[in-house]
């Protein structure tokens, strides 16, 4: 049979472990979201360049 004290101590240790895991995962999610933003910017740049190239070749003045 588990004593109340050891039960509470075990629960307390698990809470510490969970909070430490959350702290460690936060920078990782920040890095991932930063990469997503970089990919979005790159995609927007490519689309803009594609539009400029299209208009310079096939635009209303050609």
N, C-alpha and C. Protein backbone atom coordinates (compact mmCIF):
# COMPACT_ATOMS: atom_id res chain seq x y z
N UNK A 1 0.84 -1.16 0.00
CA UNK A 1 0.00 0.00 0.00
C UNK A 1 0.90 1.24 0.00
N UNK A 2 0.54 2.23 -0.82
CA UNK A 2 1.32 3.46 -0.94
C UNK A 2 0.84 4.44 0.12
N UNK A 3 1.80 5.03 0.81
CA UNK A 3 1.43 6.01 1.81
C UNK A 3 1.02 7.32 1.14
N UNK A 4 0.27 8.12 1.84
CA UNK A 4 -0.20 9.40 1.32
C UNK A 4 0.97 10.32 1.01
N UNK A 5 1.97 10.29 1.88
CA UNK A 5 3.14 11.15 1.67
C UNK A 5 3.87 10.78 0.39
N UNK A 6 4.11 9.49 0.15
CA UNK A 6 4.83 9.10 -1.06
C UNK A 6 3.98 9.36 -2.31
N UNK A 7 2.66 9.22 -2.19
CA UNK A 7 1.77 9.51 -3.31
C UNK A 7 1.87 10.99 -3.69
N UNK A 8 1.82 11.86 -2.70
CA UNK A 8 1.92 13.30 -2.96
C UNK A 8 3.29 13.67 -3.51
N UNK A 9 4.33 13.06 -2.98
CA UNK A 9 5.69 13.34 -3.46
C UNK A 9 5.83 12.90 -4.92
N UNK A 10 5.28 11.74 -5.25
CA UNK A 10 5.34 11.24 -6.62
C UNK A 10 4.59 12.18 -7.56
N UNK A 11 3.41 12.63 -7.16
CA UNK A 11 2.62 13.56 -7.98
C UNK A 11 3.38 14.87 -8.17
N UNK A 12 3.99 15.35 -7.12
CA UNK A 12 4.76 16.60 -7.18
C UNK A 12 5.92 16.47 -8.16
N UNK A 13 6.60 15.35 -8.14
CA UNK A 13 7.73 15.12 -9.05
C UNK A 13 7.26 15.07 -10.50
N UNK A 14 6.10 14.47 -10.73
CA UNK A 14 5.58 14.39 -12.09
C UNK A 14 5.20 15.77 -12.62
N UNK A 15 4.65 16.61 -11.77
CA UNK A 15 4.30 17.98 -12.19
C UNK A 15 5.56 18.73 -12.56
N UNK A 16 6.64 18.58 -11.79
CA UNK A 16 7.90 19.24 -12.11
C UNK A 16 8.42 18.77 -13.46
N UNK A 17 8.34 17.47 -13.71
CA UNK A 17 8.83 16.90 -14.96
C UNK A 17 8.02 17.44 -16.14
N UNK A 18 6.72 17.53 -15.99
CA UNK A 18 5.87 18.04 -17.06
C UNK A 18 6.18 19.50 -17.35
N UNK A 19 6.34 20.31 -16.30
CA UNK A 19 6.63 21.73 -16.51
C UNK A 19 8.00 21.92 -17.15
N UNK A 20 8.97 21.07 -16.79
CA UNK A 20 10.28 21.16 -17.42
C UNK A 20 10.20 20.78 -18.90
N UNK A 21 9.40 19.78 -19.22
CA UNK A 21 9.24 19.36 -20.61
C UNK A 21 8.60 20.48 -21.42
N UNK A 22 7.63 21.18 -20.86
CA UNK A 22 7.00 22.30 -21.57
C UNK A 22 8.00 23.41 -21.82
N UNK A 23 8.85 23.70 -20.84
CA UNK A 23 9.86 24.75 -21.02
C UNK A 23 10.83 24.38 -22.13
N UNK A 24 11.19 23.11 -22.21
CA UNK A 24 12.13 22.68 -23.24
C UNK A 24 11.49 22.68 -24.62
N UNK A 25 10.20 22.41 -24.71
CA UNK A 25 9.56 22.35 -26.01
C UNK A 25 9.24 23.72 -26.58
N UNK A 26 9.17 24.74 -25.76
CA UNK A 26 8.83 26.08 -26.24
C UNK A 26 9.83 26.63 -27.25
N UNK A 27 11.13 26.59 -27.01
CA UNK A 27 12.06 27.10 -28.02
C UNK A 27 11.97 26.34 -29.34
N UNK A 28 11.69 25.07 -29.27
CA UNK A 28 11.56 24.28 -30.48
C UNK A 28 10.39 24.77 -31.30
N UNK A 29 9.27 25.03 -30.66
CA UNK A 29 8.11 25.51 -31.40
C UNK A 29 8.37 26.90 -31.97
N UNK A 30 9.17 27.70 -31.29
CA UNK A 30 9.52 29.03 -31.80
C UNK A 30 10.36 28.91 -33.05
N UNK A 31 11.30 27.98 -33.05
CA UNK A 31 12.15 27.76 -34.22
C UNK A 31 11.30 27.28 -35.39
N UNK A 32 10.39 26.38 -35.13
CA UNK A 32 9.54 25.85 -36.19
C UNK A 32 8.66 26.95 -36.77
N UNK A 33 8.06 27.76 -35.92
CA UNK A 33 7.21 28.84 -36.43
C UNK A 33 8.04 29.86 -37.21
N UNK A 34 9.27 30.08 -36.81
CA UNK A 34 10.17 30.97 -37.55
C UNK A 34 10.47 30.42 -38.94
N UNK A 35 10.65 29.11 -39.04
CA UNK A 35 10.90 28.49 -40.34
C UNK A 35 9.67 28.56 -41.22
N UNK A 36 8.51 28.41 -40.63
CA UNK A 36 7.27 28.52 -41.40
C UNK A 36 7.14 29.91 -41.98
N UNK A 37 7.43 30.94 -41.16
CA UNK A 37 7.38 32.32 -41.65
C UNK A 37 8.38 32.54 -42.77
N UNK A 38 9.59 31.99 -42.63
CA UNK A 38 10.60 32.12 -43.68
C UNK A 38 10.12 31.48 -44.97
N UNK A 39 9.50 30.31 -44.86
CA UNK A 39 8.98 29.63 -46.04
C UNK A 39 7.87 30.45 -46.69
N UNK A 40 7.01 31.07 -45.89
CA UNK A 40 5.94 31.89 -46.44
C UNK A 40 6.52 33.11 -47.17
N UNK A 41 7.54 33.73 -46.59
CA UNK A 41 8.17 34.88 -47.23
C UNK A 41 8.82 34.47 -48.55
N UNK A 42 9.48 33.32 -48.55
CA UNK A 42 10.13 32.84 -49.77
C UNK A 42 9.08 32.57 -50.85
N UNK A 43 7.96 31.98 -50.46
CA UNK A 43 6.90 31.71 -51.42
C UNK A 43 6.32 33.00 -51.98
N UNK A 44 6.11 34.00 -51.12
CA UNK A 44 5.61 35.29 -51.59
C UNK A 44 6.60 35.95 -52.54
N UNK A 45 7.87 35.85 -52.23
CA UNK A 45 8.90 36.43 -53.10
C UNK A 45 8.90 35.76 -54.47
N UNK A 46 8.80 34.43 -54.47
CA UNK A 46 8.77 33.70 -55.73
C UNK A 46 7.54 34.07 -56.56
N UNK A 47 6.39 34.21 -55.90
CA UNK A 47 5.18 34.59 -56.62
C UNK A 47 5.30 36.00 -57.19
N UNK A 48 5.89 36.91 -56.43
CA UNK A 48 6.08 38.28 -56.93
C UNK A 48 7.02 38.29 -58.13
N UNK A 49 8.09 37.57 -58.05
CA UNK A 49 9.04 37.50 -59.16
C UNK A 49 8.37 36.88 -60.39
N UNK A 50 7.60 35.85 -60.19
CA UNK A 50 6.90 35.19 -61.29
C UNK A 50 5.93 36.17 -61.97
N UNK A 51 5.24 36.98 -61.17
CA UNK A 51 4.30 37.96 -61.71
C UNK A 51 5.04 39.03 -62.52
N UNK A 52 6.16 39.52 -61.98
CA UNK A 52 6.95 40.53 -62.69
C UNK A 52 7.45 39.98 -64.01
N UNK A 53 7.95 38.75 -63.99
CA UNK A 53 8.46 38.14 -65.22
C UNK A 53 7.34 37.97 -66.24
N UNK A 54 6.19 37.54 -65.78
CA UNK A 54 5.05 37.35 -66.68
C UNK A 54 4.64 38.68 -67.30
N UNK A 55 4.50 39.71 -66.46
CA UNK A 55 4.07 41.01 -66.97
C UNK A 55 5.11 41.62 -67.91
N UNK A 56 6.40 41.41 -67.61
CA UNK A 56 7.42 41.98 -68.49
C UNK A 56 7.43 41.27 -69.84
N UNK A 57 7.05 40.01 -69.88
CA UNK A 57 7.03 39.28 -71.16
C UNK A 57 5.68 39.41 -71.86
N UNK A 58 4.59 39.37 -71.13
CA UNK A 58 3.26 39.27 -71.73
C UNK A 58 2.34 40.41 -71.34
N UNK A 59 2.86 41.42 -70.69
CA UNK A 59 2.03 42.51 -70.19
C UNK A 59 1.35 43.32 -71.28
N UNK A 60 0.60 44.32 -70.89
CA UNK A 60 -0.19 45.10 -71.85
C UNK A 60 0.66 45.93 -72.83
N UNK A 61 1.93 46.13 -72.53
CA UNK A 61 2.77 46.98 -73.38
C UNK A 61 3.65 46.20 -74.34
N UNK A 62 3.57 44.89 -74.33
CA UNK A 62 4.48 44.14 -75.20
C UNK A 62 3.91 43.92 -76.59
